[in-house]
């Protein structure tokens, strides 16, 4: 059960990273640097960056300005978590 959770969390993290890079590239912003709120520019703390959990905990809004976070972030994280689940199951772990 532990390896399943770890692989799902890893997949969700990779999905979150991919989404972040896509958003930054589309906005012609540098891909390196700290994660910030798209609306207010507040630098996000580590607790704000936990895939899926932080989105649900904040009810899909920025903790600092209350602006809505794009649901595509959750979609990418969910797809990544599903990929981690499928990887684990396909390996028979």
Foldseek 3Di string as FASTA:
>chain_A
DVQLVVLLQVQLLVLLLVVLQVVCVVVVHDSDDADADPPPRHGDDPCCRRGPVNCVVLVQADPPPRHGHDCVSNVSSNVRSVVSNVVCVVVVD
